[in-house]
Amino acid sequence: MGIDLIEKMPMQDRYFIDTNLLIYYVSDDASRKAVVRDLLFDNENIIISSQVITEFVATTVKKKILSFEDAVKYAKEFMELFDFGFVDSEAILLSFKIAEQYRYSIWDSLIIAAALESNCTILYTEDMQDGQVIEAKVRIVNPFGSKKYVISKP
């Protein structure tokens, strides 16, 4: 007769956000901006990576969505608000495996690898196969797609 004093806590979902969602957050597309705003601020455990931040600055400046100064200001705010992960050599090596196995580009594979290394259960993006589960760990979800997934909130 023993009492288990360690109660198992339910695992909380962790959400990885791809670059395109952050770009919609600062864009003039009101409907997509609203969807992204809800995702970012109605969920805990939002994860972004160094790749996401650098792509955000590069893309918003190149497409003239933001000035360089404003892009950097938003980048700093995102890094303060959300958990931040660096892309390291392990993620790069994992991205090669993902690219070969799942046929994604190296850049998309690196996003997936960062999500996996951050123990995310959901990868929000509009650029990959909606609903696909990678390595039996992370589900790709297009928040603008027609499919609706039940995603538990912590």
N, C-alpha and C. Protein backbone atom coordinates (compact mmCIF):
# COMPACT_ATOMS: atom_id res chain seq x y z
N MET A 1 0.85 -1.17 0.00
CA MET A 1 0.00 0.00 0.00
C MET A 1 0.90 1.23 0.00
N GLY A 2 0.86 1.96 -1.07
CA GLY A 2 1.67 3.17 -1.15
C GLY A 2 0.86 4.30 -1.73
N ILE A 3 1.22 5.45 -1.34
CA ILE A 3 0.55 6.63 -1.87
C ILE A 3 1.53 7.36 -2.76
N ASP A 4 1.11 7.59 -3.99
CA ASP A 4 1.96 8.31 -4.93
C ASP A 4 1.83 9.80 -4.63
N LEU A 5 2.86 10.37 -4.05
CA LEU A 5 2.81 11.78 -3.67
C LEU A 5 3.05 12.72 -4.83
N ILE A 6 3.56 12.17 -5.93
CA ILE A 6 3.83 13.01 -7.09
C ILE A 6 2.64 12.89 -8.03
N GLU A 7 1.89 13.94 -8.11
CA GLU A 7 0.73 13.95 -8.99
C GLU A 7 1.17 14.38 -10.38
N LYS A 8 0.76 13.61 -11.35
CA LYS A 8 1.15 13.96 -12.72
C LYS A 8 0.33 15.15 -13.19
N MET A 9 1.05 16.14 -13.64
CA MET A 9 0.40 17.32 -14.20
C MET A 9 0.17 17.08 -15.68
N PRO A 10 -0.99 17.48 -16.20
CA PRO A 10 -1.21 17.31 -17.63
C PRO A 10 -0.23 18.18 -18.41
N MET A 11 0.30 17.62 -19.49
CA MET A 11 1.25 18.37 -20.32
C MET A 11 0.51 19.52 -21.01
N GLN A 12 1.06 20.69 -20.91
CA GLN A 12 0.45 21.84 -21.57
C GLN A 12 0.97 21.92 -22.99
N ASP A 13 0.06 22.27 -23.89
CA ASP A 13 0.48 22.44 -25.27
C ASP A 13 1.44 23.61 -25.37
N ARG A 14 2.39 23.46 -26.29
CA ARG A 14 3.33 24.54 -26.61
C ARG A 14 3.13 24.83 -28.09
N TYR A 15 3.05 26.11 -28.43
CA TYR A 15 2.69 26.54 -29.77
C TYR A 15 3.86 27.26 -30.43
N PHE A 16 4.33 26.72 -31.54
CA PHE A 16 5.40 27.38 -32.29
C PHE A 16 4.75 28.23 -33.38
N ILE A 17 5.20 29.46 -33.50
CA ILE A 17 4.63 30.41 -34.45
C ILE A 17 5.63 30.65 -35.58
N ASP A 18 5.19 30.41 -36.82
CA ASP A 18 6.03 30.64 -37.99
C ASP A 18 6.04 32.13 -38.34
N THR A 19 7.02 32.51 -39.11
CA THR A 19 7.24 33.90 -39.49
C THR A 19 6.01 34.55 -40.11
N ASN A 20 5.33 33.82 -41.00
CA ASN A 20 4.22 34.42 -41.73
C ASN A 20 3.12 34.94 -40.80
N LEU A 21 2.94 34.31 -39.67
CA LEU A 21 1.91 34.79 -38.74
C LEU A 21 2.30 36.11 -38.10
N LEU A 22 3.57 36.26 -37.75
CA LEU A 22 4.02 37.53 -37.18
C LEU A 22 3.90 38.65 -38.21
N ILE A 23 4.15 38.31 -39.47
CA ILE A 23 4.00 39.31 -40.54
C ILE A 23 2.55 39.74 -40.67
N TYR A 24 1.62 38.80 -40.61
CA TYR A 24 0.19 39.16 -40.65
C TYR A 24 -0.19 40.04 -39.47
N TYR A 25 0.45 39.82 -38.33
CA TYR A 25 0.13 40.61 -37.15
C TYR A 25 0.40 42.10 -37.36
N VAL A 26 1.38 42.44 -38.20
CA VAL A 26 1.69 43.85 -38.45
C VAL A 26 1.18 44.33 -39.80
N SER A 27 0.45 43.48 -40.51
CA SER A 27 0.00 43.82 -41.87
C SER A 27 -1.31 44.59 -41.84
N ASP A 28 -1.75 44.96 -43.05
CA ASP A 28 -3.03 45.65 -43.22
C ASP A 28 -4.19 44.68 -43.43
N ASP A 29 -3.93 43.39 -43.44
CA ASP A 29 -4.96 42.37 -43.65
C ASP A 29 -5.72 42.17 -42.32
N ALA A 30 -6.82 42.89 -42.16
CA ALA A 30 -7.53 42.93 -40.87
C ALA A 30 -8.02 41.57 -40.41
N SER A 31 -8.54 40.75 -41.33
CA SER A 31 -9.09 39.46 -40.91
C SER A 31 -7.99 38.51 -40.44
N ARG A 32 -6.89 38.45 -41.18
CA ARG A 32 -5.79 37.57 -40.76
C ARG A 32 -5.09 38.12 -39.51
N LYS A 33 -4.99 39.42 -39.44
CA LYS A 33 -4.38 40.04 -38.26
C LYS A 33 -5.18 39.67 -37.00
N ALA A 34 -6.51 39.67 -37.10
CA ALA A 34 -7.35 39.32 -35.96
C ALA A 34 -7.16 37.86 -35.54
N VAL A 35 -7.06 36.96 -36.51
CA VAL A 35 -6.83 35.54 -36.22
C VAL A 35 -5.49 35.38 -35.48
N VAL A 36 -4.46 36.02 -35.99
CA VAL A 36 -3.13 35.91 -35.38
C VAL A 36 -3.13 36.53 -33.99
N ARG A 37 -3.76 37.67 -33.84
CA ARG A 37 -3.82 38.32 -32.53
C ARG A 37 -4.46 37.37 -31.50
N ASP A 38 -5.55 36.71 -31.90
CA ASP A 38 -6.21 35.77 -31.00
C ASP A 38 -5.28 34.60 -30.64
N LEU A 39 -4.57 34.08 -31.64
CA LEU A 39 -3.64 32.97 -31.38
C LEU A 39 -2.54 33.39 -30.42
N LEU A 40 -1.97 34.54 -30.65
CA LEU A 40 -0.83 34.98 -29.86
C LEU A 40 -1.19 35.31 -28.42
N PHE A 41 -2.37 35.89 -28.23
CA PHE A 41 -2.68 36.40 -26.91
C PHE A 41 -3.74 35.62 -26.15
N ASP A 42 -4.32 34.59 -26.79
CA ASP A 42 -5.26 33.71 -26.09
C ASP A 42 -4.60 32.42 -25.64
N ASN A 43 -3.34 32.23 -25.98
CA ASN A 43 -2.62 31.01 -25.63
C ASN A 43 -1.38 31.35 -24.81
N GLU A 44 -1.04 30.44 -23.92
CA GLU A 44 0.23 30.54 -23.22
C GLU A 44 1.21 29.66 -23.97
N ASN A 45 2.45 29.72 -23.58
CA ASN A 45 3.47 28.84 -24.14
C ASN A 45 3.68 29.04 -25.64
N ILE A 46 3.77 30.28 -26.06
CA ILE A 46 4.08 30.60 -27.45
C ILE A 46 5.60 30.60 -27.60
N ILE A 47 6.07 29.91 -28.65
CA ILE A 47 7.50 29.79 -28.90
C ILE A 47 7.81 30.38 -30.27
N ILE A 48 8.89 31.16 -30.35
CA ILE A 48 9.43 31.63 -31.62
C ILE A 48 10.92 31.33 -31.61
N SER A 49 11.54 31.37 -32.78
CA SER A 49 12.97 31.07 -32.85
C SER A 49 13.74 32.23 -33.45
N SER A 50 15.06 32.12 -33.37
CA SER A 50 15.92 33.15 -33.97
C SER A 50 15.67 33.25 -35.47
N GLN A 51 15.41 32.12 -36.13
CA GLN A 51 15.09 32.15 -37.57
C GLN A 51 13.82 32.95 -37.83
N VAL A 52 12.80 32.73 -37.02
CA VAL A 52 11.52 33.43 -37.19
C VAL A 52 11.73 34.94 -37.05
N ILE A 53 12.48 35.35 -36.05
CA ILE A 53 12.70 36.78 -35.82
C ILE A 53 13.49 37.42 -36.96
N THR A 54 14.55 36.77 -37.41
CA THR A 54 15.35 37.37 -38.48
C THR A 54 14.58 37.39 -39.80
N GLU A 55 13.80 36.34 -40.07
CA GLU A 55 12.96 36.35 -41.27
C GLU A 55 11.90 37.44 -41.19
N PHE A 56 11.34 37.65 -40.00
CA PHE A 56 10.33 38.70 -39.81
C PHE A 56 10.90 40.07 -40.18
N VAL A 57 12.07 40.39 -39.64
CA VAL A 57 12.68 41.69 -39.93
C VAL A 57 13.01 41.80 -41.41
N ALA A 58 13.65 40.79 -41.97
CA ALA A 58 14.05 40.83 -43.38
C ALA A 58 12.84 40.98 -44.31
N THR A 59 11.78 40.22 -44.06
CA THR A 59 10.62 40.22 -44.95
C THR A 59 9.81 41.50 -44.82
N THR A 60 9.57 41.96 -43.60
CA THR A 60 8.76 43.17 -43.45
C THR A 60 9.46 44.40 -44.01
N VAL A 61 10.78 44.41 -43.95
CA VAL A 61 11.53 45.54 -44.52
C VAL A 61 11.57 45.42 -46.04
N LYS A 62 11.88 44.23 -46.55
CA LYS A 62 11.97 44.03 -48.00
C LYS A 62 10.64 44.33 -48.70
N LYS A 63 9.54 43.90 -48.08
CA LYS A 63 8.22 44.11 -48.69
C LYS A 63 7.62 45.47 -48.32
N LYS A 64 8.41 46.27 -47.62
CA LYS A 64 8.01 47.63 -47.23
C LYS A 64 6.74 47.66 -46.38
N ILE A 65 6.59 46.63 -45.56
CA ILE A 65 5.49 46.58 -44.60
C ILE A 65 5.84 47.46 -43.40
N LEU A 66 7.11 47.42 -43.00
CA LEU A 66 7.61 48.22 -41.89
C LEU A 66 8.94 48.84 -42.26
N SER A 67 9.26 49.93 -41.60
CA SER A 67 10.62 50.47 -41.71
C SER A 67 11.54 49.54 -40.93
N PHE A 68 12.83 49.65 -41.17
CA PHE A 68 13.78 48.82 -40.43
C PHE A 68 13.64 49.05 -38.93
N GLU A 69 13.51 50.31 -38.52
CA GLU A 69 13.42 50.64 -37.10
C GLU A 69 12.17 50.02 -36.48
N ASP A 70 11.04 50.10 -37.18
CA ASP A 70 9.80 49.51 -36.64
C ASP A 70 9.87 47.99 -36.62
N ALA A 71 10.48 47.39 -37.64
CA ALA A 71 10.62 45.93 -37.66
C ALA A 71 11.45 45.46 -36.47
N VAL A 72 12.52 46.16 -36.19
CA VAL A 72 13.37 45.80 -35.04
C VAL A 72 12.61 46.01 -33.74
N LYS A 73 11.83 47.08 -33.66
CA LYS A 73 11.02 47.33 -32.45
C LYS A 73 10.06 46.18 -32.20
N TYR A 74 9.34 45.75 -33.24
CA TYR A 74 8.43 44.61 -33.09
C TYR A 74 9.20 43.34 -32.73
N ALA A 75 10.33 43.11 -33.37
CA ALA A 75 11.13 41.92 -33.10
C ALA A 75 11.52 41.86 -31.62
N LYS A 76 11.94 42.99 -31.08
CA LYS A 76 12.30 43.04 -29.66
C LYS A 76 11.09 42.74 -28.78
N GLU A 77 9.94 43.29 -29.14
CA GLU A 77 8.72 43.03 -28.36
C GLU A 77 8.34 41.55 -28.40
N PHE A 78 8.41 40.95 -29.59
CA PHE A 78 8.10 39.52 -29.71
C PHE A 78 9.05 38.69 -28.84
N MET A 79 10.33 39.05 -28.85
CA MET A 79 11.30 38.29 -28.06
C MET A 79 11.06 38.45 -26.56
N GLU A 80 10.51 39.58 -26.16
CA GLU A 80 10.19 39.78 -24.74
C GLU A 80 8.91 39.06 -24.35
N LEU A 81 7.92 39.04 -25.25
CA LEU A 81 6.62 38.45 -24.94
C LEU A 81 6.60 36.93 -24.96
N PHE A 82 7.33 36.34 -25.90
CA PHE A 82 7.22 34.90 -26.13
C PHE A 82 8.52 34.19 -25.77
N ASP A 83 8.38 32.89 -25.48
CA ASP A 83 9.57 32.09 -25.25
C ASP A 83 10.39 32.08 -26.53
N PHE A 84 11.68 32.12 -26.38
CA PHE A 84 12.57 32.31 -27.52
C PHE A 84 13.58 31.18 -27.57
N GLY A 85 13.70 30.56 -28.75
CA GLY A 85 14.67 29.50 -28.91
C GLY A 85 15.67 29.82 -30.01
N PHE A 86 16.89 29.45 -29.76
CA PHE A 86 17.94 29.64 -30.76
C PHE A 86 18.02 28.41 -31.64
N VAL A 87 18.33 28.60 -32.89
CA VAL A 87 18.57 27.48 -33.79
C VAL A 87 20.01 27.07 -33.60
N ASP A 88 20.21 25.84 -33.12
CA ASP A 88 21.56 25.36 -32.86
C ASP A 88 21.93 24.25 -33.84
N SER A 89 23.10 23.68 -33.67
CA SER A 89 23.57 22.65 -34.61
C SER A 89 22.68 21.41 -34.59
N GLU A 90 22.12 21.07 -33.43
CA GLU A 90 21.21 19.92 -33.37
C GLU A 90 19.97 20.16 -34.20
N ALA A 91 19.42 21.36 -34.14
CA ALA A 91 18.24 21.69 -34.93
C ALA A 91 18.56 21.65 -36.43
N ILE A 92 19.73 22.14 -36.79
CA ILE A 92 20.14 22.12 -38.20
C ILE A 92 20.25 20.68 -38.70
N LEU A 93 20.88 19.82 -37.92
CA LEU A 93 21.01 18.41 -38.32
C LEU A 93 19.64 17.74 -38.41
N LEU A 94 18.77 18.04 -37.46
CA LEU A 94 17.41 17.49 -37.50
C LEU A 94 16.65 18.00 -38.72
N SER A 95 16.89 19.26 -39.10
CA SER A 95 16.20 19.82 -40.27
C SER A 95 16.59 19.08 -41.55
N PHE A 96 17.83 18.60 -41.64
CA PHE A 96 18.25 17.82 -42.82
C PHE A 96 17.45 16.53 -42.90
N LYS A 97 17.26 15.89 -41.76
CA LYS A 97 16.48 14.64 -41.71
C LYS A 97 15.03 14.91 -42.11
N ILE A 98 14.46 15.98 -41.57
CA ILE A 98 13.07 16.32 -41.88
C ILE A 98 12.91 16.65 -43.36
N ALA A 99 13.85 17.41 -43.90
CA ALA A 99 13.80 17.78 -45.33
C ALA A 99 13.80 16.53 -46.20
N GLU A 100 14.63 15.57 -45.85
CA GLU A 100 14.72 14.35 -46.65
C GLU A 100 13.47 13.48 -46.47
N GLN A 101 13.03 13.32 -45.25
CA GLN A 101 11.92 12.42 -44.97
C GLN A 101 10.56 12.98 -45.39
N TYR A 102 10.34 14.28 -45.14
CA TYR A 102 9.02 14.87 -45.38
C TYR A 102 8.96 15.76 -46.62
N ARG A 103 10.09 15.96 -47.25
CA ARG A 103 10.18 16.73 -48.50
C ARG A 103 9.82 18.21 -48.35
N TYR A 104 10.16 18.78 -47.21
CA TYR A 104 10.02 20.22 -47.04
C TYR A 104 11.34 20.88 -47.41
N SER A 105 11.29 22.19 -47.70
CA SER A 105 12.52 22.93 -47.96
C SER A 105 13.37 22.93 -46.69
N ILE A 106 14.63 23.24 -46.85
CA ILE A 106 15.52 23.33 -45.68
C ILE A 106 15.00 24.36 -44.68
N TRP A 107 14.52 25.51 -45.18
CA TRP A 107 14.06 26.57 -44.29
C TRP A 107 12.81 26.15 -43.53
N ASP A 108 11.85 25.52 -44.21
CA ASP A 108 10.66 25.02 -43.51
C ASP A 108 11.04 23.89 -42.55
N SER A 109 11.96 23.05 -42.96
CA SER A 109 12.41 21.95 -42.10
C SER A 109 13.09 22.48 -40.84
N LEU A 110 13.78 23.59 -40.96
CA LEU A 110 14.42 24.20 -39.79
C LEU A 110 13.37 24.74 -38.82
N ILE A 111 12.29 25.29 -39.34
CA ILE A 111 11.18 25.73 -38.49
C ILE A 111 10.59 24.52 -37.75
N ILE A 112 10.35 23.44 -38.48
CA ILE A 112 9.81 22.22 -37.87
C ILE A 112 10.77 21.68 -36.81
N ALA A 113 12.05 21.66 -37.13
CA ALA A 113 13.05 21.16 -36.17
C ALA A 113 13.05 22.01 -34.91
N ALA A 114 12.95 23.32 -35.05
CA ALA A 114 12.92 24.20 -33.88
C ALA A 114 11.68 23.94 -33.04
N ALA A 115 10.56 23.69 -33.71
CA ALA A 115 9.32 23.35 -32.99
C ALA A 115 9.49 22.04 -32.22
N LEU A 116 10.08 21.06 -32.86
CA LEU A 116 10.32 19.77 -32.20
C LEU A 116 11.27 19.93 -31.02
N GLU A 117 12.36 20.64 -31.21
CA GLU A 117 13.34 20.82 -30.14
C GLU A 117 12.79 21.64 -28.98
N SER A 118 11.76 22.45 -29.26
CA SER A 118 11.12 23.24 -28.21
C SER A 118 9.96 22.50 -27.56
N ASN A 119 9.80 21.23 -27.94
CA ASN A 119 8.72 20.39 -27.41
C ASN A 119 7.33 20.96 -27.66
N CYS A 120 7.16 21.54 -28.84
CA CYS A 120 5.86 22.08 -29.22
C CYS A 120 4.95 20.96 -29.71
N THR A 121 3.67 21.13 -29.48
CA THR A 121 2.68 20.17 -29.97
C THR A 121 1.98 20.69 -31.22
N ILE A 122 2.02 22.01 -31.40
CA ILE A 122 1.37 22.66 -32.54
C ILE A 122 2.36 23.61 -33.19
N LEU A 123 2.42 23.56 -34.52
CA LEU A 123 3.18 24.52 -35.32
C LEU A 123 2.18 25.28 -36.18
N TYR A 124 1.98 26.55 -35.86
CA TYR A 124 1.06 27.38 -36.64
C TYR A 124 1.80 27.98 -37.82
N THR A 125 1.32 27.69 -39.01
CA THR A 125 1.89 28.23 -40.25
C THR A 125 0.86 28.07 -41.35
N GLU A 126 0.98 28.88 -42.38
CA GLU A 126 0.12 28.67 -43.54
C GLU A 126 0.91 28.07 -44.70
N ASP A 127 2.19 27.82 -44.48
CA ASP A 127 3.08 27.42 -45.58
C ASP A 127 3.31 25.93 -45.71
N MET A 128 2.77 25.13 -44.82
CA MET A 128 3.05 23.69 -44.85
C MET A 128 1.74 22.91 -44.88
N GLN A 129 1.83 21.59 -44.89
CA GLN A 129 0.66 20.75 -45.05
C GLN A 129 -0.19 20.74 -43.78
N ASP A 130 -1.34 21.39 -43.89
CA ASP A 130 -2.26 21.51 -42.77
C ASP A 130 -2.68 20.14 -42.25
N GLY A 131 -2.54 19.94 -40.96
CA GLY A 131 -2.96 18.70 -40.33
C GLY A 131 -1.87 17.63 -40.24
N GLN A 132 -0.78 17.80 -40.95
CA GLN A 132 0.29 16.80 -40.93
C GLN A 132 0.93 16.76 -39.54
N VAL A 133 1.24 15.55 -39.09
CA VAL A 133 1.93 15.36 -37.82
C VAL A 133 3.35 14.90 -38.14
N ILE A 134 4.31 15.61 -37.59
CA ILE A 134 5.73 15.32 -37.83
C ILE A 134 6.31 14.59 -36.62
N GLU A 135 6.98 13.46 -36.90
CA GLU A 135 7.65 12.67 -35.86
C GLU A 135 6.71 12.29 -34.72
N ALA A 136 5.42 12.19 -35.01
CA ALA A 136 4.40 11.84 -34.01
C ALA A 136 4.41 12.80 -32.82
N LYS A 137 4.87 14.03 -33.05
CA LYS A 137 4.99 14.98 -31.94
C LYS A 137 4.37 16.34 -32.20
N VAL A 138 4.52 16.88 -33.40
CA VAL A 138 4.04 18.24 -33.65
C VAL A 138 3.09 18.23 -34.85
N ARG A 139 1.91 18.84 -34.64
CA ARG A 139 0.91 18.95 -35.71
C ARG A 139 1.02 20.31 -36.37
N ILE A 140 1.05 20.32 -37.68
CA ILE A 140 1.06 21.56 -38.45
C ILE A 140 -0.39 22.02 -38.60
N VAL A 141 -0.64 23.26 -38.22
CA VAL A 141 -1.99 23.82 -38.28
C VAL A 141 -1.96 25.15 -39.02
N ASN A 142 -2.78 25.23 -40.07
CA ASN A 142 -2.98 26.50 -40.77
C ASN A 142 -4.15 27.20 -40.09
N PRO A 143 -3.91 28.27 -39.36
CA PRO A 143 -5.01 28.92 -38.63
C PRO A 143 -6.02 29.59 -39.56
N PHE A 144 -5.68 29.73 -40.83
CA PHE A 144 -6.59 30.34 -41.79
C PHE A 144 -7.31 29.30 -42.64
N GLY A 145 -6.98 28.03 -42.44
CA GLY A 145 -7.55 26.95 -43.25
C GLY A 145 -8.97 26.63 -42.84
N SER A 146 -9.57 25.76 -43.63
CA SER A 146 -10.96 25.39 -43.37
C SER A 146 -11.07 24.32 -42.29
N LYS A 147 -10.01 23.56 -42.05
CA LYS A 147 -10.05 22.52 -41.01
C LYS A 147 -10.01 23.19 -39.65
N LYS A 148 -10.75 22.62 -38.74
CA LYS A 148 -10.73 23.11 -37.37
C LYS A 148 -10.25 21.99 -36.47
N TYR A 149 -9.31 22.30 -35.62
CA TYR A 149 -8.75 21.32 -34.70
C TYR A 149 -9.11 21.72 -33.29
N VAL A 150 -9.39 20.73 -32.49
CA VAL A 150 -9.63 21.00 -31.07
C VAL A 150 -8.26 21.06 -30.42
N ILE A 151 -7.93 22.22 -29.92
CA ILE A 151 -6.63 22.43 -29.30
C ILE A 151 -6.87 22.80 -27.84
N SER A 152 -6.36 21.98 -26.97
CA SER A 152 -6.59 22.20 -25.55
C SER A 152 -5.83 23.43 -25.07
N LYS A 153 -6.46 24.17 -24.21
CA LYS A 153 -5.79 25.32 -23.60
C LYS A 153 -5.34 24.93 -22.21
N PRO A 154 -4.21 25.46 -21.79
CA PRO A 154 -3.71 25.13 -20.44
C PRO A 154 -4.64 25.63 -19.38
